[in-house]
Amino acid sequence: MVCFEIWVNGERLYTAGIGDFGGLSATLNWFQFRPEEYLAEQKTKELPRLIIWGEADHKSFAWPEPRLKIGDEVTIRIVEGAVPDKPAKTRNREPDPTSSGTIQQRRKALRKFYKDLKRMLDEEMEDKSKGWRTNLSRKVAIFGYRVLDARFAVN
């Protein structure tokens, strides 16, 4: 198993790993906020962050984010065969039926999604013709999808 050993200023914090299959990610970023944009409860307008997360077997994993400041040295060592430390957060994820399975299963899932969305849009149009306002985004969220593009190709 491939793992990431996380070190800050020469101190080993933890080893992150998710098993033989899945994905493991490390993101180091820094933000400088304008004074009017940062929240009052933030201690500083600068925010360096180290985010370590992974996904495997329909689960998401996240490890602790160390408090970083300008001048800190961050080392991520890629190791194999290490025993990972337990993640700080684990969350079950529902598999996306439109992106996994056989072609027939994906088509069936897309067809169902299309029919559900069409029914909701028809209801939305009917409600609007009666002068009612509804929130389609909320309705779509009930089905567990986020609609980014309403164009679908269903065979």
Protein backbone atom coordinates (compact mmCIF):
# COMPACT_ATOMS: atom_id res chain seq x y z
CA MET A 1 0.00 0.00 0.00
CA VAL A 2 1.25 3.48 -0.89
CA CYS A 3 1.01 6.07 1.89
CA PHE A 4 1.93 9.71 2.46
CA GLU A 5 4.04 10.53 5.50
CA ILE A 6 3.26 14.10 6.55
CA TRP A 7 5.97 16.15 8.25
CA VAL A 8 5.85 19.80 9.35
CA ASN A 9 9.07 21.50 10.51
CA GLY A 10 10.81 18.15 10.92
CA GLU A 11 8.05 16.63 13.09
CA ARG A 12 6.14 13.62 11.76
CA LEU A 13 2.41 14.28 12.11
CA TYR A 14 0.86 11.15 10.62
CA THR A 15 0.88 8.65 7.79
CA ALA A 16 -2.14 8.75 5.46
CA GLY A 17 -3.19 5.74 3.40
CA ILE A 18 -6.38 4.20 2.02
CA GLY A 19 -5.53 0.66 0.97
CA ASP A 20 -4.54 -0.94 -2.31
CA PHE A 21 -7.28 0.61 -4.45
CA GLY A 22 -8.58 4.18 -4.41
CA GLY A 23 -7.04 7.63 -4.45
CA LEU A 24 -4.98 9.65 -2.02
CA SER A 25 -4.47 13.40 -2.42
CA ALA A 26 -2.37 16.13 -0.83
CA THR A 27 -3.11 19.81 -1.40
CA LEU A 28 -1.01 22.64 -0.04
CA ASN A 29 -2.53 26.05 -0.62
CA TRP A 30 -2.34 29.60 0.67
CA PHE A 31 -4.91 32.37 0.57
CA GLN A 32 -4.56 36.07 1.30
CA PHE A 33 -7.95 37.63 1.93
CA ARG A 34 -8.89 41.27 1.51
CA PRO A 35 -9.72 42.82 4.89
CA GLU A 36 -13.42 43.11 3.97
CA GLU A 37 -13.60 39.45 2.88
CA TYR A 38 -12.22 37.53 5.82
CA LEU A 39 -14.39 36.48 8.72
CA ALA A 40 -14.00 38.26 12.03
CA GLU A 41 -13.48 34.96 13.85
CA GLN A 42 -10.41 34.19 11.72
CA LYS A 43 -7.21 35.00 13.53
CA THR A 44 -5.43 36.15 10.40
CA LYS A 45 -6.07 37.25 6.85
CA GLU A 46 -3.51 34.71 5.65
CA LEU A 47 -4.49 31.09 5.54
CA PRO A 48 -1.94 28.44 4.53
CA ARG A 49 -3.53 24.99 4.54
CA LEU A 50 -2.44 21.39 4.05
CA ILE A 51 -5.32 19.09 3.09
CA ILE A 52 -4.83 15.33 2.93
CA TRP A 53 -7.78 13.24 1.80
CA GLY A 54 -8.58 9.98 0.08
CA GLU A 55 -11.40 7.97 -1.43
CA ALA A 56 -11.87 4.21 -1.60
CA ASP A 57 -14.77 1.76 -1.56
CA HIS A 58 -17.43 4.51 -1.58
CA LYS A 59 -15.87 6.21 1.45
CA SER A 60 -14.09 9.54 1.85
CA PHE A 61 -11.26 10.00 4.34
CA ALA A 62 -9.67 13.17 5.70
CA TRP A 63 -6.68 13.58 7.97
CA PRO A 64 -6.06 16.47 10.39
CA GLU A 65 -5.12 19.84 8.90
CA PRO A 66 -2.09 21.17 10.75
CA ARG A 67 -1.98 24.85 11.68
CA LEU A 68 0.52 26.34 9.28
CA LYS A 69 2.18 29.73 9.12
CA ILE A 70 4.56 31.46 6.76
CA GLY A 71 8.02 29.90 7.07
CA ASP A 72 6.83 26.39 7.94
CA GLU A 73 8.48 23.54 6.09
CA VAL A 74 6.10 20.86 4.83
CA THR A 75 7.41 17.48 3.68
CA ILE A 76 5.27 14.78 2.09
CA ARG A 77 7.16 11.52 1.77
CA ILE A 78 5.67 8.83 -0.44
CA VAL A 79 6.21 5.43 1.18
CA GLU A 80 5.13 1.91 0.42
CA GLY A 81 4.22 -0.79 2.91
CA ALA A 82 3.64 1.62 5.81
CA VAL A 83 0.78 1.28 8.26
CA PRO A 84 -1.45 4.37 7.93
CA ASP A 85 -2.76 6.32 10.90
CA LYS A 86 -6.52 6.48 11.37
CA PRO A 87 -8.12 9.40 9.48
CA ALA A 88 -9.74 12.23 11.45
CA LYS A 89 -12.94 11.93 9.40
CA THR A 90 -14.55 9.09 7.45
CA ARG A 91 -17.73 9.56 5.45
CA ASN A 92 -19.76 7.04 3.46
CA ARG A 93 -20.58 8.12 -0.07
CA GLU A 94 -23.37 6.78 -2.20
CA PRO A 95 -22.01 5.52 -5.51
CA ASP A 96 -23.03 7.56 -8.54
CA PRO A 97 -25.19 5.16 -10.57
CA THR A 98 -24.52 7.12 -13.77
CA SER A 99 -20.74 6.66 -13.63
CA SER A 100 -20.25 3.05 -12.53
CA GLY A 101 -21.47 -0.36 -13.57
CA THR A 102 -22.09 -1.76 -17.01
CA ILE A 103 -23.17 0.42 -19.92
CA GLN A 104 -26.71 -0.95 -19.57
CA GLN A 105 -26.81 -0.10 -15.84
CA ARG A 106 -25.55 3.43 -16.52
CA ARG A 107 -28.11 3.93 -19.29
CA LYS A 108 -30.87 2.70 -16.97
CA ALA A 109 -29.70 5.10 -14.23
CA LEU A 110 -29.49 8.01 -16.70
CA ARG A 111 -32.94 7.20 -18.07
CA LYS A 112 -34.37 7.20 -14.53
CA PHE A 113 -32.63 10.50 -13.77
CA TYR A 114 -33.91 11.98 -17.03
CA LYS A 115 -37.50 10.89 -16.31
CA ASP A 116 -37.35 12.22 -12.73
CA LEU A 117 -35.91 15.53 -13.91
CA LYS A 118 -38.47 15.81 -16.74
CA ARG A 119 -41.30 15.16 -14.27
CA MET A 120 -39.93 17.86 -11.94
CA LEU A 121 -39.54 20.34 -14.80
CA ASP A 122 -43.10 19.61 -15.96
CA GLU A 123 -44.34 20.22 -12.40
CA GLU A 124 -42.28 23.42 -12.27
CA MET A 125 -43.87 24.67 -15.51
CA GLU A 126 -47.34 23.75 -14.27
CA ASP A 127 -46.71 25.54 -10.97
CA LYS A 128 -45.47 28.64 -12.79
CA SER A 129 -48.57 28.65 -15.00
CA LYS A 130 -50.61 28.72 -11.78
CA GLY A 131 -48.47 31.58 -10.46
CA TRP A 132 -46.66 29.51 -7.85
CA ARG A 133 -42.92 29.64 -7.33
CA THR A 134 -40.97 26.48 -6.48
CA ASN A 135 -37.33 25.72 -5.94
CA LEU A 136 -36.21 23.20 -8.58
CA SER A 137 -32.67 23.02 -7.17
CA ARG A 138 -34.07 21.81 -3.85
CA LYS A 139 -36.15 19.19 -5.64
CA VAL A 140 -33.16 17.97 -7.63
CA ALA A 141 -31.04 17.80 -4.46
CA ILE A 142 -33.56 15.36 -3.00
CA PHE A 143 -32.51 12.87 -5.66
CA GLY A 144 -28.86 13.33 -4.70
CA TYR A 145 -27.74 14.97 -7.94
CA ARG A 146 -26.29 18.36 -8.69
CA VAL A 147 -27.32 19.56 -12.11
CA LEU A 148 -24.49 21.45 -13.77
CA ASP A 149 -25.67 21.07 -17.34
CA ALA A 150 -29.24 20.29 -18.29
CA ARG A 151 -28.33 18.70 -21.63
CA PHE A 152 -28.65 14.91 -21.52
CA ALA A 153 -28.09 12.24 -24.15
CA VAL A 154 -30.06 9.15 -23.23
CA ASN A 155 -30.26 6.34 -25.78
